[in-house]
N, C-alpha and C. Protein backbone atom coordinates (compact mmCIF):
# COMPACT_ATOMS: atom_id res chain seq x y z
N MET A 1 -10.35 -47.34 29.48
CA MET A 1 -10.54 -46.65 28.22
C MET A 1 -11.98 -46.47 27.92
N ARG A 2 -12.23 -45.23 27.45
CA ARG A 2 -13.88 -45.06 27.39
C ARG A 2 -14.20 -45.76 26.03
N ILE A 3 -15.47 -45.84 25.92
CA ILE A 3 -16.19 -46.52 24.68
C ILE A 3 -15.81 -45.89 23.39
N SER A 4 -15.80 -44.59 23.61
CA SER A 4 -15.28 -43.75 22.28
C SER A 4 -13.96 -43.90 21.86
N ASP A 5 -12.85 -44.22 22.89
CA ASP A 5 -11.63 -44.42 22.44
C ASP A 5 -11.42 -45.80 21.91
N ASP A 6 -12.13 -46.83 22.37
CA ASP A 6 -12.32 -48.07 21.73
C ASP A 6 -12.88 -48.06 20.29
N ARG A 7 -13.70 -47.35 20.18
CA ARG A 7 -14.31 -47.29 18.73
C ARG A 7 -13.20 -46.61 17.66
N TYR A 8 -12.61 -45.50 18.35
CA TYR A 8 -11.71 -44.93 17.57
C TYR A 8 -10.60 -45.77 17.22
N ALA A 9 -10.13 -46.62 18.24
CA ALA A 9 -9.10 -47.63 18.02
C ALA A 9 -9.26 -48.60 16.97
N ARG A 10 -10.64 -49.03 16.96
CA ARG A 10 -11.09 -50.07 16.09
C ARG A 10 -11.22 -49.47 14.71
N ASP A 11 -11.73 -48.37 14.40
CA ASP A 11 -11.84 -47.76 13.24
C ASP A 11 -10.50 -47.40 12.65
N HIS A 12 -9.65 -47.14 13.54
CA HIS A 12 -8.32 -46.55 12.94
C HIS A 12 -7.52 -47.98 12.38
N LEU A 13 -7.85 -49.00 13.20
CA LEU A 13 -7.13 -50.27 12.75
C LEU A 13 -7.67 -50.79 11.26
N ARG A 14 -9.11 -50.44 11.21
CA ARG A 14 -9.70 -51.05 10.05
C ARG A 14 -9.28 -50.09 8.80
N LEU A 15 -9.06 -48.64 9.07
CA LEU A 15 -8.56 -47.87 8.03
C LEU A 15 -7.04 -48.24 7.66
N ASP A 16 -6.28 -48.35 8.68
CA ASP A 16 -4.89 -48.70 8.43
C ASP A 16 -4.86 -49.96 7.60
N THR A 17 -5.40 -51.04 7.97
CA THR A 17 -5.48 -52.29 7.27
C THR A 17 -5.88 -52.14 5.80
N ALA A 18 -6.97 -51.34 5.49
CA ALA A 18 -7.54 -50.98 4.16
C ALA A 18 -6.37 -50.22 3.44
N LEU A 19 -5.54 -49.40 3.95
CA LEU A 19 -4.67 -48.62 3.20
C LEU A 19 -3.70 -49.47 2.86
N ARG A 20 -3.31 -50.44 3.99
CA ARG A 20 -2.24 -51.52 3.36
C ARG A 20 -2.66 -52.39 2.35
N PHE A 21 -3.86 -52.75 2.23
CA PHE A 21 -4.51 -53.43 1.08
C PHE A 21 -4.54 -52.69 -0.10
N ILE A 22 -4.82 -51.59 -0.03
CA ILE A 22 -4.72 -50.62 -1.14
C ILE A 22 -3.50 -50.55 -1.79
N LEU A 23 -2.43 -50.27 -0.96
CA LEU A 23 -0.96 -50.22 -1.48
C LEU A 23 -0.52 -51.43 -2.09
N HIS A 24 -1.12 -52.71 -1.55
CA HIS A 24 -0.76 -53.88 -2.18
C HIS A 24 -1.51 -54.10 -3.60
N GLU A 25 -2.48 -53.29 -3.86
CA GLU A 25 -3.17 -53.13 -5.11
C GLU A 25 -4.40 -54.23 -5.03
N ALA A 26 -5.10 -54.51 -3.89
CA ALA A 26 -6.20 -55.31 -3.65
C ALA A 26 -7.43 -54.71 -4.43
N ARG A 27 -8.14 -55.42 -4.78
CA ARG A 27 -9.52 -55.14 -5.40
C ARG A 27 -10.26 -54.74 -4.20
N THR A 28 -11.49 -53.77 -4.57
CA THR A 28 -12.30 -53.26 -3.64
C THR A 28 -13.06 -54.30 -2.75
N GLN A 29 -13.61 -55.26 -3.44
CA GLN A 29 -14.17 -56.51 -2.74
C GLN A 29 -13.45 -57.34 -1.82
N THR A 30 -12.05 -57.23 -1.88
CA THR A 30 -11.21 -57.87 -1.03
C THR A 30 -11.10 -57.12 0.09
N ILE A 31 -10.69 -55.71 -0.10
CA ILE A 31 -10.75 -54.76 1.12
C ILE A 31 -12.13 -54.85 2.04
N ARG A 32 -13.14 -54.66 1.37
CA ARG A 32 -14.55 -54.95 2.03
C ARG A 32 -14.63 -55.99 2.67
N GLN A 33 -14.12 -57.25 2.11
CA GLN A 33 -14.39 -58.49 2.93
C GLN A 33 -13.33 -58.66 4.22
N TRP A 34 -12.30 -58.05 3.97
CA TRP A 34 -11.32 -58.13 5.36
C TRP A 34 -11.34 -57.04 6.21
N THR A 35 -12.01 -55.93 5.69
CA THR A 35 -11.83 -54.63 6.80
C THR A 35 -13.47 -54.45 7.18
N GLY A 36 -14.34 -54.78 6.45
CA GLY A 36 -15.89 -54.43 6.87
C GLY A 36 -16.36 -52.88 6.39
N LEU A 37 -15.30 -52.18 5.52
CA LEU A 37 -15.67 -50.96 5.23
C LEU A 37 -16.41 -51.00 3.98
N SER A 38 -17.22 -49.86 3.63
CA SER A 38 -18.08 -49.85 2.50
C SER A 38 -17.16 -49.53 1.44
N ASP A 39 -17.79 -49.86 0.24
CA ASP A 39 -17.14 -49.47 -1.11
C ASP A 39 -16.91 -48.13 -1.25
N ASP A 40 -17.97 -47.19 -0.71
CA ASP A 40 -17.50 -45.81 -0.87
C ASP A 40 -16.54 -45.32 0.03
N ARG A 41 -16.43 -45.84 1.15
CA ARG A 41 -15.28 -45.42 2.23
C ARG A 41 -13.92 -46.03 1.52
N ILE A 42 -13.69 -47.10 0.89
CA ILE A 42 -12.71 -47.56 0.27
C ILE A 42 -12.03 -46.67 -0.71
N ARG A 43 -13.05 -46.16 -1.58
CA ARG A 43 -12.77 -45.23 -2.72
C ARG A 43 -12.24 -43.99 -2.14
N LYS A 44 -13.00 -43.45 -1.31
CA LYS A 44 -12.44 -42.25 -0.68
C LYS A 44 -11.00 -42.35 0.17
N LEU A 45 -10.89 -43.52 0.54
CA LEU A 45 -9.65 -43.72 1.25
C LEU A 45 -8.35 -43.73 0.17
N TYR A 46 -8.74 -44.44 -0.95
CA TYR A 46 -7.80 -44.54 -1.86
C TYR A 46 -7.54 -43.28 -2.53
N HIS A 47 -8.52 -42.34 -2.69
CA HIS A 47 -8.29 -41.02 -3.30
C HIS A 47 -7.51 -40.20 -2.36
N SER A 48 -7.83 -40.28 -1.08
CA SER A 48 -7.24 -39.32 0.00
C SER A 48 -5.79 -39.62 0.33
N TYR A 49 -5.52 -40.96 0.52
CA TYR A 49 -4.22 -41.22 1.14
C TYR A 49 -3.27 -42.06 0.18
N ALA A 50 -3.75 -42.87 -0.84
CA ALA A 50 -2.99 -43.52 -1.53
C ALA A 50 -2.43 -42.80 -2.88
N GLY A 51 -3.00 -41.55 -3.16
CA GLY A 51 -2.65 -40.72 -4.22
C GLY A 51 -1.45 -39.83 -3.94
N ALA A 52 -0.90 -39.89 -2.59
CA ALA A 52 0.13 -38.87 -2.43
C ALA A 52 1.48 -39.48 -3.01
N GLY A 53 1.97 -39.06 -4.18
CA GLY A 53 3.13 -39.62 -4.96
C GLY A 53 3.02 -40.81 -5.75
N HIS A 54 2.58 -41.89 -5.15
CA HIS A 54 2.36 -42.98 -6.03
C HIS A 54 0.88 -43.60 -6.00
N ARG A 55 0.36 -43.90 -7.12
CA ARG A 55 -1.15 -44.45 -7.25
C ARG A 55 -1.05 -45.76 -7.63
N PRO A 56 -1.36 -46.80 -6.47
CA PRO A 56 -1.36 -48.03 -6.92
C PRO A 56 -2.52 -48.45 -7.87
N ALA A 57 -2.09 -49.43 -8.62
CA ALA A 57 -3.17 -50.03 -9.83
C ALA A 57 -4.48 -50.32 -9.08
N ARG A 58 -5.63 -49.97 -9.67
CA ARG A 58 -7.13 -50.48 -9.20
C ARG A 58 -7.34 -51.46 -10.23
N HIS A 59 -7.34 -52.60 -9.72
CA HIS A 59 -7.75 -53.90 -10.48
C HIS A 59 -9.32 -54.01 -10.56
N ARG A 60 -9.74 -54.36 -11.68
CA ARG A 60 -11.19 -54.64 -11.81
C ARG A 60 -11.45 -56.14 -11.99
N GLY A 61 -12.66 -56.45 -11.79
CA GLY A 61 -13.12 -57.70 -12.04
C GLY A 61 -13.08 -58.75 -10.77
N ARG A 62 -13.17 -59.93 -11.18
CA ARG A 62 -13.31 -60.86 -10.05
C ARG A 62 -11.81 -61.32 -9.52
N SER A 63 -11.72 -61.78 -8.35
CA SER A 63 -10.38 -61.92 -7.81
C SER A 63 -10.13 -63.34 -8.26
N PRO A 64 -8.87 -63.77 -8.17
CA PRO A 64 -8.34 -65.20 -8.62
C PRO A 64 -9.18 -66.25 -7.83
N GLN A 65 -9.52 -67.15 -8.60
CA GLN A 65 -10.49 -68.36 -7.89
C GLN A 65 -9.84 -69.72 -8.36
N GLN A 66 -8.71 -69.92 -8.89
CA GLN A 66 -8.37 -71.15 -9.51
C GLN A 66 -7.03 -71.73 -8.53
N ALA A 67 -7.22 -72.55 -7.89
CA ALA A 67 -5.99 -73.02 -7.06
C ALA A 67 -4.90 -73.86 -7.92
N ALA A 68 -5.40 -74.33 -9.09
CA ALA A 68 -4.47 -74.80 -10.07
C ALA A 68 -3.19 -73.80 -10.38
N TYR A 69 -3.59 -72.49 -10.26
CA TYR A 69 -2.35 -71.43 -10.75
C TYR A 69 -1.16 -71.67 -9.87
N PHE A 70 -1.33 -72.06 -8.59
CA PHE A 70 -0.22 -72.36 -7.76
C PHE A 70 0.82 -73.58 -7.98
N LEU A 71 0.16 -74.55 -8.81
CA LEU A 71 0.73 -75.54 -9.15
C LEU A 71 1.29 -75.81 -10.74
N ARG A 72 1.05 -74.54 -11.34
CA ARG A 72 1.46 -74.67 -12.86
C ARG A 72 2.81 -74.72 -13.16
N THR A 73 3.61 -73.89 -12.43
CA THR A 73 5.11 -74.06 -12.93
C THR A 73 5.87 -74.28 -11.37
N ARG A 74 6.96 -74.69 -11.56
CA ARG A 74 7.94 -74.95 -10.38
C ARG A 74 8.01 -73.63 -9.68
N ARG A 75 8.33 -72.51 -10.38
CA ARG A 75 8.60 -71.07 -9.63
C ARG A 75 7.23 -70.79 -8.76
N LEU A 76 6.13 -71.22 -9.33
CA LEU A 76 4.88 -70.57 -8.62
C LEU A 76 4.62 -71.83 -7.48
N ARG A 77 5.07 -73.07 -7.48
CA ARG A 77 4.93 -73.97 -6.41
C ARG A 77 6.05 -73.62 -5.40
N GLU A 78 7.18 -72.98 -5.75
CA GLU A 78 7.95 -72.62 -4.97
C GLU A 78 7.63 -71.32 -4.14
N GLU A 79 7.06 -70.49 -4.81
CA GLU A 79 6.36 -69.15 -3.99
C GLU A 79 5.34 -69.45 -3.24
N ALA A 80 4.45 -70.35 -3.51
CA ALA A 80 3.15 -70.76 -2.98
C ALA A 80 3.80 -71.53 -1.53
N ALA A 81 4.76 -72.25 -1.68
CA ALA A 81 5.38 -72.88 -0.47
C ALA A 81 5.93 -71.99 0.53
N TRP A 82 6.77 -70.83 -0.07
CA TRP A 82 7.21 -69.75 1.02
C TRP A 82 5.96 -69.09 1.44
N LEU A 83 4.88 -68.76 0.76
CA LEU A 83 3.90 -68.11 1.45
C LEU A 83 3.12 -69.14 2.42
N THR A 84 2.93 -70.23 2.09
CA THR A 84 2.29 -71.23 3.08
C THR A 84 3.02 -71.45 4.33
N SER A 85 4.46 -71.34 4.22
CA SER A 85 5.37 -71.29 5.28
C SER A 85 5.27 -70.16 6.28
N LEU A 86 5.03 -68.86 5.63
CA LEU A 86 4.95 -67.73 6.34
C LEU A 86 3.38 -67.66 6.86
N TYR A 87 2.49 -68.15 6.33
CA TYR A 87 1.08 -68.04 6.77
C TYR A 87 1.02 -69.02 8.04
N LEU A 88 1.82 -70.03 8.14
CA LEU A 88 1.72 -70.83 9.32
C LEU A 88 2.54 -70.25 10.31
N MET A 89 3.60 -69.67 9.88
CA MET A 89 4.57 -69.02 11.15
C MET A 89 3.87 -67.90 11.73
N LEU A 90 3.25 -66.90 10.85
CA LEU A 90 2.54 -65.86 11.47
C LEU A 90 1.10 -65.87 11.81
N ASP A 91 0.72 -67.13 11.66
CA ASP A 91 -0.80 -67.32 12.21
C ASP A 91 -1.61 -66.86 11.44
N VAL A 92 -1.44 -66.69 10.20
CA VAL A 92 -2.47 -66.09 9.04
C VAL A 92 -3.74 -67.06 9.01
N ILE A 93 -3.24 -68.42 9.07
CA ILE A 93 -4.36 -69.36 8.82
C ILE A 93 -4.60 -69.88 10.20
N PRO A 94 -5.99 -69.89 10.49
CA PRO A 94 -6.23 -70.34 11.84
C PRO A 94 -6.02 -72.09 11.79
N PRO A 95 -5.89 -72.64 13.20
CA PRO A 95 -5.64 -74.13 13.15
C PRO A 95 -6.97 -74.70 12.31
N LEU A 96 -6.57 -75.67 11.70
CA LEU A 96 -7.64 -76.44 10.99
C LEU A 96 -8.53 -77.26 11.97
N GLN A 97 -8.10 -77.47 13.21
CA GLN A 97 -8.85 -78.02 14.23
C GLN A 97 -10.01 -77.15 14.79
N SER A 98 -9.86 -75.95 14.31
CA SER A 98 -10.71 -74.80 15.13
C SER A 98 -12.22 -74.95 14.58
N GLY A 99 -12.72 -75.90 14.14
CA GLY A 99 -13.97 -75.93 13.69
C GLY A 99 -14.26 -75.52 12.17
N ALA A 100 -14.49 -74.50 12.13
CA ALA A 100 -14.77 -73.96 10.59
C ALA A 100 -13.93 -72.68 10.44
N PRO A 101 -12.55 -73.07 10.04
CA PRO A 101 -11.51 -72.08 10.08
C PRO A 101 -11.58 -70.93 9.07
N GLN A 102 -12.66 -71.39 7.95
CA GLN A 102 -12.80 -70.21 6.87
C GLN A 102 -13.78 -69.18 7.27
N ARG A 103 -14.39 -69.28 8.50
CA ARG A 103 -15.25 -68.23 9.03
C ARG A 103 -14.26 -67.29 9.84
N LEU A 104 -13.14 -67.88 10.43
CA LEU A 104 -12.17 -67.07 11.17
C LEU A 104 -11.20 -66.21 10.33
N LEU A 105 -10.89 -66.59 8.96
CA LEU A 105 -10.10 -65.94 8.10
C LEU A 105 -10.30 -64.52 7.72
N PRO A 106 -11.30 -64.13 7.18
CA PRO A 106 -11.28 -62.83 6.76
C PRO A 106 -11.66 -61.82 7.99
N GLY A 107 -10.71 -60.98 8.33
CA GLY A 107 -11.11 -59.98 9.33
C GLY A 107 -9.69 -59.18 9.38
N VAL A 108 -10.06 -58.00 10.20
CA VAL A 108 -8.97 -56.94 10.20
C VAL A 108 -7.72 -57.72 10.98
N GLY A 109 -7.74 -58.34 11.87
CA GLY A 109 -6.51 -58.90 12.70
C GLY A 109 -5.86 -59.74 11.76
N ARG A 110 -6.58 -60.83 11.08
CA ARG A 110 -5.88 -61.59 10.23
C ARG A 110 -5.48 -60.93 8.97
N GLY A 111 -6.30 -59.91 8.54
CA GLY A 111 -5.66 -59.09 7.33
C GLY A 111 -4.32 -58.21 7.65
N ARG A 112 -4.19 -57.87 8.94
CA ARG A 112 -2.96 -57.32 9.05
C ARG A 112 -1.91 -58.26 9.06
N LEU A 113 -2.18 -59.54 9.50
CA LEU A 113 -1.09 -60.69 9.63
C LEU A 113 -0.81 -60.89 7.99
N LEU A 114 -1.89 -61.19 7.37
CA LEU A 114 -1.83 -61.32 5.89
C LEU A 114 -0.90 -60.39 5.34
N CYS A 115 -1.04 -59.13 5.37
CA CYS A 115 -0.19 -57.97 4.90
C CYS A 115 1.30 -58.07 5.47
N ASN A 116 1.61 -58.64 6.60
CA ASN A 116 2.86 -58.79 7.24
C ASN A 116 3.43 -59.95 6.48
N ALA A 117 2.68 -60.95 6.24
CA ALA A 117 3.33 -62.07 5.63
C ALA A 117 3.71 -61.66 4.28
N TYR A 118 2.77 -60.92 3.44
CA TYR A 118 3.08 -60.73 2.17
C TYR A 118 4.22 -59.85 1.91
N GLU A 119 4.38 -58.91 2.87
CA GLU A 119 5.53 -57.93 2.95
C GLU A 119 6.98 -58.77 3.12
N VAL A 120 6.91 -59.73 3.97
CA VAL A 120 7.87 -60.49 4.26
C VAL A 120 8.36 -61.29 3.09
N PHE A 121 7.27 -61.80 2.50
CA PHE A 121 7.28 -62.66 1.26
C PHE A 121 8.04 -61.74 0.09
N LEU A 122 7.69 -60.79 -0.03
CA LEU A 122 8.36 -59.65 -1.06
C LEU A 122 9.54 -59.46 -0.76
N SER A 123 10.17 -59.35 0.65
CA SER A 123 11.39 -59.13 0.91
C SER A 123 12.23 -60.40 0.47
N LEU A 124 11.83 -61.38 0.69
CA LEU A 124 12.46 -62.70 0.32
C LEU A 124 12.42 -63.03 -1.20
N VAL A 125 11.37 -62.66 -1.68
CA VAL A 125 11.28 -62.90 -3.27
C VAL A 125 10.86 -61.53 -4.03
N PRO A 126 11.89 -60.64 -4.35
CA PRO A 126 11.36 -59.42 -4.66
C PRO A 126 10.83 -59.43 -6.20
N ASP A 127 11.00 -60.43 -6.98
CA ASP A 127 10.44 -60.48 -8.45
C ASP A 127 9.29 -61.55 -8.45
N ALA A 128 8.55 -61.70 -7.34
CA ALA A 128 7.50 -62.60 -7.26
C ALA A 128 6.51 -62.67 -8.28
N HIS A 129 5.88 -63.70 -8.73
CA HIS A 129 5.04 -63.79 -9.64
C HIS A 129 3.49 -63.76 -8.99
N ILE A 130 3.47 -64.23 -7.66
CA ILE A 130 2.14 -64.24 -6.87
C ILE A 130 1.86 -62.79 -6.42
N SER A 131 0.63 -62.35 -6.94
CA SER A 131 0.23 -60.90 -6.60
C SER A 131 -0.33 -61.15 -5.30
N PHE A 132 -0.58 -59.79 -4.75
CA PHE A 132 -1.28 -59.85 -3.39
C PHE A 132 -2.64 -60.59 -3.33
N GLU A 133 -3.36 -60.41 -4.63
CA GLU A 133 -4.91 -60.88 -4.64
C GLU A 133 -4.71 -62.47 -4.69
N HIS A 134 -3.61 -62.94 -5.36
CA HIS A 134 -3.41 -64.39 -5.30
C HIS A 134 -2.94 -64.84 -3.98
N ALA A 135 -2.35 -64.04 -3.32
CA ALA A 135 -1.74 -64.46 -1.93
C ALA A 135 -2.97 -64.41 -1.13
N VAL A 136 -3.97 -63.69 -1.38
CA VAL A 136 -5.29 -63.40 -0.37
C VAL A 136 -6.05 -65.08 -0.85
N PHE A 137 -6.12 -65.29 -2.18
CA PHE A 137 -6.71 -66.65 -2.53
C PHE A 137 -6.12 -67.86 -1.95
N LEU A 138 -4.65 -67.67 -1.97
CA LEU A 138 -4.16 -69.01 -1.38
C LEU A 138 -4.36 -69.05 0.03
N ALA A 139 -4.34 -67.90 0.87
CA ALA A 139 -4.88 -68.10 2.22
C ALA A 139 -6.18 -68.60 2.46
N HIS A 140 -7.12 -68.24 1.47
CA HIS A 140 -8.44 -68.84 1.54
C HIS A 140 -8.38 -70.29 1.33
N ALA A 141 -7.73 -70.66 0.20
CA ALA A 141 -7.79 -72.15 -0.25
C ALA A 141 -6.94 -73.06 0.77
N LEU A 142 -6.00 -72.47 1.27
CA LEU A 142 -5.31 -73.25 2.32
C LEU A 142 -6.24 -73.39 3.63
N CYS A 143 -6.92 -72.44 3.88
CA CYS A 143 -7.93 -72.41 5.27
C CYS A 143 -8.96 -73.39 4.85
N ARG A 144 -9.71 -73.51 3.71
CA ARG A 144 -10.51 -74.26 3.27
C ARG A 144 -10.14 -75.71 3.20
N ALA A 145 -9.03 -75.90 2.85
CA ALA A 145 -8.24 -77.10 2.63
C ALA A 145 -9.15 -78.01 1.68
N ASP A 146 -9.99 -77.48 0.71
CA ASP A 146 -10.61 -78.50 -0.17
C ASP A 146 -9.77 -78.82 -1.51
N GLU A 147 -8.99 -77.72 -2.04
CA GLU A 147 -8.26 -78.16 -3.24
C GLU A 147 -6.63 -78.03 -2.83
N LEU A 148 -6.23 -77.22 -1.97
CA LEU A 148 -4.93 -76.97 -1.55
C LEU A 148 -4.95 -77.13 0.02
N ARG A 149 -3.80 -77.76 0.40
CA ARG A 149 -3.81 -77.88 1.83
C ARG A 149 -2.26 -77.63 2.40
N PRO A 150 -2.10 -77.17 3.56
CA PRO A 150 -0.48 -77.23 4.06
C PRO A 150 -0.16 -78.65 4.20
N ALA A 151 1.00 -79.05 3.81
CA ALA A 151 1.46 -80.29 3.78
C ALA A 151 3.11 -80.14 3.92
N ARG A 152 3.79 -81.19 4.37
CA ARG A 152 5.02 -81.40 4.49
C ARG A 152 5.58 -82.18 3.27
N CYS A 153 6.66 -81.76 2.56
CA CYS A 153 7.38 -82.45 1.46
C CYS A 153 7.60 -83.96 2.10
N GLY A 154 7.54 -84.97 1.25
CA GLY A 154 7.79 -86.33 1.61
C GLY A 154 9.24 -86.70 1.57
N GLY A 155 9.97 -85.78 0.70
CA GLY A 155 11.50 -85.90 0.59
C GLY A 155 12.18 -85.28 1.83
N CYS A 156 11.99 -83.76 1.88
CA CYS A 156 12.81 -83.05 3.01
C CYS A 156 12.10 -82.47 4.02
N GLY A 157 10.64 -82.73 3.91
CA GLY A 157 10.05 -82.13 5.24
C GLY A 157 9.72 -80.84 5.09
N ALA A 158 10.03 -80.13 4.08
CA ALA A 158 9.50 -78.59 3.91
C ALA A 158 8.26 -78.48 3.87
N VAL A 159 7.67 -77.35 4.41
CA VAL A 159 6.28 -76.98 4.18
C VAL A 159 5.84 -76.42 2.72
N ILE A 160 4.86 -76.92 2.42
CA ILE A 160 4.26 -76.70 0.91
C ILE A 160 2.76 -76.58 0.83
N ALA A 161 2.45 -76.15 -0.23
CA ALA A 161 0.88 -75.99 -0.54
C ALA A 161 0.77 -77.24 -1.42
N ALA A 162 0.03 -78.33 -0.93
CA ALA A 162 -0.03 -79.44 -1.57
C ALA A 162 -1.38 -79.50 -2.29
N ASP A 163 -1.67 -80.15 -3.48
CA ASP A 163 -2.85 -80.56 -3.91
C ASP A 163 -3.74 -81.45 -3.18
N ARG A 164 -4.82 -81.21 -2.59
CA ARG A 164 -5.51 -82.11 -1.74
C ARG A 164 -5.95 -83.34 -2.53
N LEU A 165 -5.96 -83.42 -3.98
CA LEU A 165 -6.49 -84.64 -4.56
C LEU A 165 -5.33 -85.46 -5.24
N ALA A 166 -4.20 -84.99 -4.95
CA ALA A 166 -2.92 -85.73 -5.64
C ALA A 166 -2.98 -87.19 -5.20
N VAL A 167 -2.63 -88.01 -5.88
CA VAL A 167 -2.50 -89.41 -5.46
C VAL A 167 -1.33 -89.63 -4.90
N ARG A 168 -0.23 -89.19 -5.38
CA ARG A 168 1.20 -89.38 -4.69
C ARG A 168 1.52 -88.65 -3.43
N ALA A 169 2.49 -88.88 -2.69
CA ALA A 169 2.69 -88.15 -1.51
C ALA A 169 3.21 -86.51 -1.92
N PRO A 170 3.00 -85.56 -1.22
CA PRO A 170 3.36 -84.37 -1.80
C PRO A 170 4.91 -84.12 -1.59
N ARG A 171 5.56 -83.36 -2.46
CA ARG A 171 6.94 -83.04 -2.81
C ARG A 171 7.19 -81.66 -3.07
N CYS A 172 8.08 -81.13 -2.63
CA CYS A 172 8.56 -79.78 -2.83
C CYS A 172 9.12 -79.76 -4.16
N PRO A 173 9.18 -78.45 -4.71
CA PRO A 173 9.81 -78.40 -6.10
C PRO A 173 11.37 -78.85 -6.35
N GLY A 174 11.99 -78.72 -5.16
CA GLY A 174 13.56 -79.14 -5.08
C GLY A 174 13.50 -80.55 -5.02
N CYS A 175 12.74 -81.35 -4.49
CA CYS A 175 12.59 -82.71 -4.46
C CYS A 175 11.99 -83.46 -5.41
N ASP A 176 11.24 -82.78 -6.26
CA ASP A 176 10.42 -83.24 -7.26
C ASP A 176 11.30 -83.09 -8.58
N ALA A 177 11.83 -84.17 -8.93
CA ALA A 177 12.66 -84.03 -10.20
C ALA A 177 11.83 -84.28 -11.35
N GLY A 178 10.62 -84.76 -11.18
CA GLY A 178 10.03 -85.02 -12.52
C GLY A 178 8.96 -83.94 -12.57
N GLY A 179 8.78 -82.73 -11.90
CA GLY A 179 7.91 -81.70 -12.00
C GLY A 179 8.10 -80.74 -13.17
N PRO A 180 7.05 -79.79 -13.51
CA PRO A 180 7.26 -79.09 -14.42
C PRO A 180 8.42 -78.22 -14.39
N ALA A 181 8.97 -77.74 -15.68
CA ALA A 181 10.04 -76.81 -15.72
C ALA A 181 9.70 -75.54 -15.25
N GLY A 182 10.71 -74.75 -14.88
CA GLY A 182 10.36 -73.45 -14.21
C GLY A 182 9.58 -72.34 -14.96
N ALA A 183 9.76 -71.06 -14.39
CA ALA A 183 8.96 -69.90 -14.80
C ALA A 183 9.52 -69.49 -16.10
């Protein structure tokens, strides 16, 4: 393979990943962080390709930044558990033993895996409350493991997103009879 072919393949991968992020209504800053494309290139991509028939919403402002969002209701805890399981199965989250996993997370390869996981999640939970931007934040939070961490339910062993500072053993919404009422 010639150098120009390799560069073309890399650029095609970045643009394809950016388009998938656009279709999931990601903010420009999120797309830039995961693909390395400039804001101008992202806007042009949005207007050129995403405008055919269906125009995804363009969200403004800051991306979600509160881990407590995923613990608010039973429904959100269930959805966060689904996503956490998918992130682990599809290798979206690098192993915590890999030194500084948060440096490995944003990138084109993991961005494609993140899109795959979110698309599977939407097929399993079609009326999901967790948006793509929240799913991106969840991946970051689980990778940092400072507020949320992947854990096993103390009752049934299911994978969940557990509060890092919780005093009691983590439990899934199904085993946690005393948890907050649903969505």
